[in-house]
Amino acid sequence: MTTIRFFAAARAAVGVDSLTTTGPTIDGALREIDAADPSRWSALQERCSYLVDGVTTRDRATSLSGVEVVDVMPPFAGG
């Protein structure tokens, strides 16, 4: 199981701080999410970067096999 943690606008769109998933890839895991604001969440995913066990990626085809934590990082003001 992989824990997905949401920050800032991603947390607001999804409606939770974190969840666990068995999705095979980042994209597969993101598709499982029952977001509080589905249209906002759908649009936001394209702009997020993802920290996979601390390594940054934008490739949502990244495998989650053996991955413990994925941080969903939306763009932040000023950086």
PDB file of N, CA and C in Angstrom:
ATOM      1  N   MET A   1       0.833  -1.189   0.000  1.00  0.00           N
ATOM      2  CA  MET A   1       0.000   0.000   0.000  1.00  0.00           C
ATOM      3  C   MET A   1       0.872   1.244   0.000  1.00  0.00           C
ATOM      4  N   THR A   2       0.413   2.246  -0.699  1.00  0.00           N
ATOM      5  CA  THR A   2       1.114   3.530  -0.778  1.00  0.00           C
ATOM      6  C   THR A   2       0.240   4.599  -0.140  1.00  0.00           C
ATOM      7  N   THR A   3       0.851   5.465   0.657  1.00  0.00           N
ATOM      8  CA  THR A   3       0.146   6.606   1.226  1.00  0.00           C
ATOM      9  C   THR A   3       0.331   7.785   0.299  1.00  0.00           C
ATOM     10  N   ILE A   4      -0.773   8.451  -0.032  1.00  0.00           N
ATOM     11  CA  ILE A   4      -0.721   9.666  -0.839  1.00  0.00           C
ATOM     12  C   ILE A   4      -1.096  10.822   0.083  1.00  0.00           C
ATOM     13  N   ARG A   5      -0.206  11.816   0.139  1.00  0.00           N
ATOM     14  CA  ARG A   5      -0.453  12.992   0.968  1.00  0.00           C
ATOM     15  C   ARG A   5      -0.701  14.186   0.059  1.00  0.00           C
ATOM     16  N   PHE A   6      -1.693  14.994   0.432  1.00  0.00           N
ATOM     17  CA  PHE A   6      -2.108  16.138  -0.373  1.00  0.00           C
ATOM     18  C   PHE A   6      -1.764  17.432   0.350  1.00  0.00           C
ATOM     19  N   PHE A   7      -1.305  18.415  -0.401  1.00  0.00           N
ATOM     20  CA  PHE A   7      -0.902  19.693   0.166  1.00  0.00           C
ATOM     21  C   PHE A   7      -1.635  20.839  -0.522  1.00  0.00           C
ATOM     22  N   ALA A   8      -1.902  21.888   0.240  1.00  0.00           N
ATOM     23  CA  ALA A   8      -2.468  23.157  -0.238  1.00  0.00           C
ATOM     24  C   ALA A   8      -3.726  22.938  -1.088  1.00  0.00           C
ATOM     25  N   ALA A   9      -3.723  23.420  -2.328  1.00  0.00           N
ATOM     26  CA  ALA A   9      -4.911  23.346  -3.184  1.00  0.00           C
ATOM     27  C   ALA A   9      -5.332  21.905  -3.458  1.00  0.00           C
ATOM     28  N   ALA A  10      -4.385  20.984  -3.501  1.00  0.00           N
ATOM     29  CA  ALA A  10      -4.727  19.572  -3.715  1.00  0.00           C
ATOM     30  C   ALA A  10      -5.536  19.052  -2.533  1.00  0.00           C
ATOM     31  N   ARG A  11      -5.131  19.409  -1.322  1.00  0.00           N
ATOM     32  CA  ARG A  11      -5.869  18.999  -0.131  1.00  0.00           C
ATOM     33  C   ARG A  11      -7.291  19.570  -0.159  1.00  0.00           C
ATOM     34  N   ALA A  12      -7.408  20.821  -0.561  1.00  0.00           N
ATOM     35  CA  ALA A  12      -8.729  21.450  -0.635  1.00  0.00           C
ATOM     36  C   ALA A  12      -9.618  20.768  -1.674  1.00  0.00           C
ATOM     37  N   ALA A  13      -9.075  20.423  -2.810  1.00  0.00           N
ATOM     38  CA  ALA A  13      -9.854  19.789  -3.876  1.00  0.00           C
ATOM     39  C   ALA A  13     -10.268  18.369  -3.523  1.00  0.00           C
ATOM     40  N   VAL A  14      -9.360  17.629  -2.899  1.00  0.00           N
ATOM     41  CA  VAL A  14      -9.643  16.237  -2.558  1.00  0.00           C
ATOM     42  C   VAL A  14     -10.500  16.149  -1.294  1.00  0.00           C
ATOM     43  N   GLY A  15     -10.210  17.004  -0.320  1.00  0.00           N
ATOM     44  CA  GLY A  15     -11.000  17.025   0.905  1.00  0.00           C
ATOM     45  C   GLY A  15     -10.430  16.221   2.051  1.00  0.00           C
ATOM     46  N   VAL A  16      -9.221  15.658   1.888  1.00  0.00           N
ATOM     47  CA  VAL A  16      -8.547  14.917   2.960  1.00  0.00           C
ATOM     48  C   VAL A  16      -7.049  15.234   2.916  1.00  0.00           C
ATOM     49  N   ASP A  17      -6.374  14.985   4.036  1.00  0.00           N
ATOM     50  CA  ASP A  17      -4.924  15.192   4.104  1.00  0.00           C
ATOM     51  C   ASP A  17      -4.156  14.065   3.419  1.00  0.00           C
ATOM     52  N   SER A  18      -4.673  12.836   3.543  1.00  0.00           N
ATOM     53  CA  SER A  18      -3.973  11.685   2.966  1.00  0.00           C
ATOM     54  C   SER A  18      -4.940  10.524   2.805  1.00  0.00           C
ATOM     55  N   LEU A  19      -4.503   9.545   2.020  1.00  0.00           N
ATOM     56  CA  LEU A  19      -5.242   8.297   1.858  1.00  0.00           C
ATOM     57  C   LEU A  19      -4.263   7.220   1.444  1.00  0.00           C
ATOM     58  N   THR A  20      -4.699   5.975   1.472  1.00  0.00           N
ATOM     59  CA  THR A  20      -3.847   4.878   1.014  1.00  0.00           C
ATOM     60  C   THR A  20      -4.439   4.318  -0.270  1.00  0.00           C
ATOM     61  N   THR A  21      -3.548   3.766  -1.084  1.00  0.00           N
ATOM     62  CA  THR A  21      -3.965   3.251  -2.388  1.00  0.00           C
ATOM     63  C   THR A  21      -3.185   1.989  -2.735  1.00  0.00           C
ATOM     64  N   THR A  22      -3.772   1.206  -3.602  1.00  0.00           N
ATOM     65  CA  THR A  22      -3.077   0.059  -4.184  1.00  0.00           C
ATOM     66  C   THR A  22      -2.901   0.266  -5.685  1.00  0.00           C
ATOM     67  N   GLY A  23      -3.146   1.494  -6.149  1.00  0.00           N
ATOM     68  CA  GLY A  23      -2.986   1.808  -7.575  1.00  0.00           C
ATOM     69  C   GLY A  23      -1.593   1.460  -8.055  1.00  0.00           C
ATOM     70  N   PRO A  24      -1.478   0.938  -9.276  1.00  0.00           N
ATOM     71  CA  PRO A  24      -0.176   0.491  -9.786  1.00  0.00           C
ATOM     72  C   PRO A  24       0.761   1.629 -10.185  1.00  0.00           C
ATOM     73  N   THR A  25       0.181   2.782 -10.511  1.00  0.00           N
ATOM     74  CA  THR A  25       0.963   3.946 -10.946  1.00  0.00           C
ATOM     75  C   THR A  25       0.384   5.183 -10.265  1.00  0.00           C
ATOM     76  N   ILE A  26       1.086   6.305 -10.393  1.00  0.00           N
ATOM     77  CA  ILE A  26       0.537   7.555  -9.855  1.00  0.00           C
ATOM     78  C   ILE A  26      -0.812   7.820 -10.513  1.00  0.00           C
ATOM     79  N   ASP A  27      -0.884   7.717 -11.835  1.00  0.00           N
ATOM     80  CA  ASP A  27      -2.133   7.974 -12.539  1.00  0.00           C
ATOM     81  C   ASP A  27      -3.245   7.039 -12.077  1.00  0.00           C
ATOM     82  N   GLY A  28      -2.948   5.768 -11.933  1.00  0.00           N
ATOM     83  CA  GLY A  28      -3.945   4.806 -11.464  1.00  0.00           C
ATOM     84  C   GLY A  28      -4.454   5.152 -10.078  1.00  0.00           C
ATOM     85  N   ALA A  29      -3.549   5.571  -9.207  1.00  0.00           N
ATOM     86  CA  ALA A  29      -3.936   5.961  -7.854  1.00  0.00           C
ATOM     87  C   ALA A  29      -4.795   7.218  -7.872  1.00  0.00           C
ATOM     88  N   LEU A  30      -4.429   8.190  -8.707  1.00  0.00           N
ATOM     89  CA  LEU A  30      -5.185   9.434  -8.775  1.00  0.00           C
ATOM     90  C   LEU A  30      -6.602   9.203  -9.292  1.00  0.00           C
ATOM     91  N   ARG A  31      -6.765   8.235 -10.183  1.00  0.00           N
ATOM     92  CA  ARG A  31      -8.090   7.925 -10.728  1.00  0.00           C
ATOM     93  C   ARG A  31      -9.022   7.325  -9.674  1.00  0.00           C
ATOM     94  N   GLU A  32      -8.460   6.715  -8.633  1.00  0.00           N
ATOM     95  CA  GLU A  32      -9.260   6.098  -7.572  1.00  0.00           C
ATOM     96  C   GLU A  32      -9.843   7.126  -6.598  1.00  0.00           C
ATOM     97  N   ILE A  33      -9.359   8.351  -6.633  1.00  0.00           N
ATOM     98  CA  ILE A  33      -9.721   9.345  -5.633  1.00  0.00           C
ATOM     99  C   ILE A  33     -11.129   9.883  -5.872  1.00  0.00           C
ATOM    100  N   ASP A  34     -11.922   9.836  -4.831  1.00  0.00           N
ATOM    101  CA  ASP A  34     -13.274  10.392  -4.846  1.00  0.00           C
ATOM    102  C   ASP A  34     -13.175  11.791  -4.242  1.00  0.00           C
ATOM    103  N   ALA A  35     -12.845  12.770  -5.080  1.00  0.00           N
ATOM    104  CA  ALA A  35     -12.556  14.130  -4.623  1.00  0.00           C
ATOM    105  C   ALA A  35     -13.802  14.872  -4.178  1.00  0.00           C
ATOM    106  N   ALA A  36     -13.615  15.763  -3.211  1.00  0.00           N
ATOM    107  CA  ALA A  36     -14.693  16.636  -2.743  1.00  0.00           C
ATOM    108  C   ALA A  36     -15.118  17.607  -3.845  1.00  0.00           C
ATOM    109  N   ASP A  37     -14.158  18.035  -4.668  1.00  0.00           N
ATOM    110  CA  ASP A  37     -14.425  18.957  -5.783  1.00  0.00           C
ATOM    111  C   ASP A  37     -13.807  18.347  -7.046  1.00  0.00           C
ATOM    112  N   PRO A  38     -14.528  17.427  -7.700  1.00  0.00           N
ATOM    113  CA  PRO A  38     -13.960  16.680  -8.831  1.00  0.00           C
ATOM    114  C   PRO A  38     -13.441  17.531  -9.986  1.00  0.00           C
ATOM    115  N   SER A  39     -14.127  18.592 -10.350  1.00  0.00           N
ATOM    116  CA  SER A  39     -13.655  19.391 -11.488  1.00  0.00           C
ATOM    117  C   SER A  39     -12.363  20.126 -11.131  1.00  0.00           C
ATOM    118  N   ARG A  40     -12.283  20.653  -9.932  1.00  0.00           N
ATOM    119  CA  ARG A  40     -11.050  21.326  -9.493  1.00  0.00           C
ATOM    120  C   ARG A  40      -9.902  20.328  -9.411  1.00  0.00           C
ATOM    121  N   TRP A  41     -10.159  19.151  -8.865  1.00  0.00           N
ATOM    122  CA  TRP A  41      -9.132  18.126  -8.733  1.00  0.00           C
ATOM    123  C   TRP A  41      -8.634  17.682 -10.110  1.00  0.00           C
ATOM    124  N   SER A  42      -9.544  17.496 -11.057  1.00  0.00           N
ATOM    125  CA  SER A  42      -9.164  17.074 -12.401  1.00  0.00           C
ATOM    126  C   SER A  42      -8.238  18.096 -13.061  1.00  0.00           C
ATOM    127  N   ALA A  43      -8.586  19.359 -12.963  1.00  0.00           N
ATOM    128  CA  ALA A  43      -7.765  20.420 -13.558  1.00  0.00           C
ATOM    129  C   ALA A  43      -6.428  20.570 -12.849  1.00  0.00           C
ATOM    130  N   LEU A  44      -6.406  20.391 -11.569  1.00  0.00           N
ATOM    131  CA  LEU A  44      -5.200  20.595 -10.767  1.00  0.00           C
ATOM    132  C   LEU A  44      -4.134  19.527 -11.019  1.00  0.00           C
ATOM    133  N   GLN A  45      -4.549  18.311 -11.284  1.00  0.00           N
ATOM    134  CA  GLN A  45      -3.593  17.210 -11.469  1.00  0.00           C
ATOM    135  C   GLN A  45      -2.565  17.500 -12.554  1.00  0.00           C
ATOM    136  N   GLU A  46      -2.969  18.187 -13.607  1.00  0.00           N
ATOM    137  CA  GLU A  46      -2.075  18.511 -14.717  1.00  0.00           C
ATOM    138  C   GLU A  46      -0.940  19.450 -14.287  1.00  0.00           C
ATOM    139  N   ARG A  47      -1.168  20.221 -13.245  1.00  0.00           N
ATOM    140  CA  ARG A  47      -0.191  21.224 -12.817  1.00  0.00           C
ATOM    141  C   ARG A  47       0.653  20.779 -11.626  1.00  0.00           C
ATOM    142  N   CYS A  48       0.310  19.656 -11.039  1.00  0.00           N
ATOM    143  CA  CYS A  48       1.028  19.193  -9.844  1.00  0.00           C
ATOM    144  C   CYS A  48       2.342  18.510 -10.201  1.00  0.00           C
ATOM    145  N   SER A  49       3.239  18.539  -9.235  1.00  0.00           N
ATOM    146  CA  SER A  49       4.394  17.651  -9.276  1.00  0.00           C
ATOM    147  C   SER A  49       4.190  16.650  -8.145  1.00  0.00           C
ATOM    148  N   TYR A  50       4.920  15.549  -8.216  1.00  0.00           N
ATOM    149  CA  TYR A  50       4.722  14.457  -7.272  1.00  0.00           C
ATOM    150  C   TYR A  50       6.074  14.061  -6.687  1.00  0.00           C
ATOM    151  N   LEU A  51       6.121  13.939  -5.375  1.00  0.00           N
ATOM    152  CA  LEU A  51       7.322  13.448  -4.713  1.00  0.00           C
ATOM    153  C   LEU A  51       7.089  11.980  -4.405  1.00  0.00           C
ATOM    154  N   VAL A  52       7.856  11.121  -5.033  1.00  0.00           N
ATOM    155  CA  VAL A  52       7.720   9.681  -4.867  1.00  0.00           C
ATOM    156  C   VAL A  52       8.864   9.220  -3.964  1.00  0.00           C
ATOM    157  N   ASP A  53       8.522   8.941  -2.705  1.00  0.00           N
ATOM    158  CA  ASP A  53       9.542   8.640  -1.691  1.00  0.00           C
ATOM    159  C   ASP A  53      10.661   9.679  -1.736  1.00  0.00           C
ATOM    160  N   GLY A  54      10.267  10.949  -1.887  1.00  0.00           N
ATOM    161  CA  GLY A  54      11.201  12.065  -1.831  1.00  0.00           C
ATOM    162  C   GLY A  54      11.823  12.481  -3.153  1.00  0.00           C
ATOM    163  N   VAL A  55      11.512  11.782  -4.244  1.00  0.00           N
ATOM    164  CA  VAL A  55      12.079  12.101  -5.554  1.00  0.00           C
ATOM    165  C   VAL A  55      10.990  12.736  -6.423  1.00  0.00           C
ATOM    166  N   THR A  56      11.274  13.919  -6.956  1.00  0.00           N
ATOM    167  CA  THR A  56      10.296  14.666  -7.742  1.00  0.00           C
ATOM    168  C   THR A  56      10.084  14.059  -9.122  1.00  0.00           C
ATOM    169  N   THR A  57       8.808  14.012  -9.528  1.00  0.00           N
ATOM    170  CA  THR A  57       8.465  13.601 -10.891  1.00  0.00           C
ATOM    171  C   THR A  57       7.183  14.308 -11.311  1.00  0.00           C
ATOM    172  N   ARG A  58       6.989  14.405 -12.594  1.00  0.00           N
ATOM    173  CA  ARG A  58       5.713  14.857 -13.162  1.00  0.00           C
ATOM    174  C   ARG A  58       5.106  13.737 -13.997  1.00  0.00           C
ATOM    175  N   ASP A  59       5.825  12.626 -14.093  1.00  0.00           N
ATOM    176  CA  ASP A  59       5.398  11.483 -14.901  1.00  0.00           C
ATOM    177  C   ASP A  59       4.396  10.642 -14.114  1.00  0.00           C
ATOM    178  N   ARG A  60       3.129  10.761 -14.469  1.00  0.00           N
ATOM    179  CA  ARG A  60       2.094  10.047 -13.723  1.00  0.00           C
ATOM    180  C   ARG A  60       2.060   8.557 -14.067  1.00  0.00           C
ATOM    181  N   ALA A  61       2.874   8.120 -15.016  1.00  0.00           N
ATOM    182  CA  ALA A  61       2.993   6.689 -15.318  1.00  0.00           C
ATOM    183  C   ALA A  61       4.001   6.009 -14.389  1.00  0.00           C
ATOM    184  N   THR A  62       4.582   6.768 -13.467  1.00  0.00           N
ATOM    185  CA  THR A  62       5.557   6.228 -12.518  1.00  0.00           C
ATOM    186  C   THR A  62       4.928   5.108 -11.694  1.00  0.00           C
ATOM    187  N   SER A  63       5.619   3.975 -11.636  1.00  0.00           N
ATOM    188  CA  SER A  63       5.140   2.821 -10.869  1.00  0.00           C
ATOM    189  C   SER A  63       5.159   3.116  -9.371  1.00  0.00           C
ATOM    190  N   LEU A  64       4.168   2.592  -8.679  1.00  0.00           N
ATOM    191  CA  LEU A  64       4.128   2.723  -7.222  1.00  0.00           C
ATOM    192  C   LEU A  64       4.534   1.423  -6.525  1.00  0.00           C
ATOM    193  N   SER A  65       5.054   0.485  -7.284  1.00  0.00           N
ATOM    194  CA  SER A  65       5.522  -0.767  -6.703  1.00  0.00           C
ATOM    195  C   SER A  65       6.654  -0.488  -5.710  1.00  0.00           C
ATOM    196  N   GLY A  66       6.452  -0.856  -4.467  1.00  0.00           N
ATOM    197  CA  GLY A  66       7.464  -0.649  -3.435  1.00  0.00           C
ATOM    198  C   GLY A  66       7.534   0.774  -2.894  1.00  0.00           C
ATOM    199  N   VAL A  67       6.670   1.666  -3.360  1.00  0.00           N
ATOM    200  CA  VAL A  67       6.681   3.061  -2.932  1.00  0.00           C
ATOM    201  C   VAL A  67       5.842   3.206  -1.664  1.00  0.00           C
ATOM    202  N   GLU A  68       6.394   3.897  -0.672  1.00  0.00           N
ATOM    203  CA  GLU A  68       5.669   4.103   0.579  1.00  0.00           C
ATOM    204  C   GLU A  68       4.826   5.365   0.575  1.00  0.00           C
ATOM    205  N   VAL A  69       5.384   6.492   0.049  1.00  0.00           N
ATOM    206  CA  VAL A  69       4.691   7.777   0.138  1.00  0.00           C
ATOM    207  C   VAL A  69       4.801   8.551  -1.170  1.00  0.00           C
ATOM    208  N   VAL A  70       3.670   9.112  -1.600  1.00  0.00           N
ATOM    209  CA  VAL A  70       3.635  10.050  -2.710  1.00  0.00           C
ATOM    210  C   VAL A  70       3.035  11.343  -2.176  1.00  0.00           C
ATOM    211  N   ASP A  71       3.766  12.438  -2.330  1.00  0.00           N
ATOM    212  CA  ASP A  71       3.268  13.767  -1.950  1.00  0.00           C
ATOM    213  C   ASP A  71       2.783  14.472  -3.201  1.00  0.00           C
ATOM    214  N   VAL A  72       1.559  14.957  -3.173  1.00  0.00           N
ATOM    215  CA  VAL A  72       0.972  15.687  -4.295  1.00  0.00           C
ATOM    216  C   VAL A  72       1.193  17.168  -4.035  1.00  0.00           C
ATOM    217  N   MET A  73       2.030  17.786  -4.870  1.00  0.00           N
ATOM    218  CA  MET A  73       2.475  19.160  -4.669  1.00  0.00           C
ATOM    219  C   MET A  73       1.938  20.076  -5.767  1.00  0.00           C
ATOM    220  N   PRO A  74       0.898  20.847  -5.467  1.00  0.00           N
ATOM    221  CA  PRO A  74       0.408  21.795  -6.457  1.00  0.00           C
ATOM    222  C   PRO A  74       1.358  22.979  -6.557  1.00  0.00           C
ATOM    223  N   PRO A  75       1.226  23.795  -7.593  1.00  0.00           N
ATOM    224  CA  PRO A  75       2.078  24.991  -7.676  1.00  0.00           C
ATOM    225  C   PRO A  75       1.790  25.907  -6.484  1.00  0.00           C
ATOM    226  N   PHE A  76       2.837  26.486  -5.937  1.00  0.00           N
ATOM    227  CA  PHE A  76       2.712  27.387  -4.815  1.00  0.00           C
ATOM    228  C   PHE A  76       3.032  28.810  -5.280  1.00  0.00           C
ATOM    229  N   ALA A  77       2.382  29.792  -4.708  1.00  0.00           N
ATOM    230  CA  ALA A  77       2.669  31.185  -5.023  1.00  0.00           C
ATOM    231  C   ALA A  77       4.106  31.510  -4.648  1.00  0.00           C
ATOM    232  N   GLY A  78       4.784  32.213  -5.521  1.00  0.00           N
ATOM    233  CA  GLY A  78       6.164  32.627  -5.235  1.00  0.00           C
ATOM    234  C   GLY A  78       7.181  31.545  -5.476  1.00  0.00           C
ATOM    235  N   GLY A  79       6.803  30.422  -6.047  1.00  0.00           N
ATOM    236  CA  GLY A  79       7.804  29.400  -6.289  1.00  0.00           C
ATOM    237  C   GLY A  79       7.187  28.236  -6.851  1.00  0.00           C
TER     238      GLY A  79
END
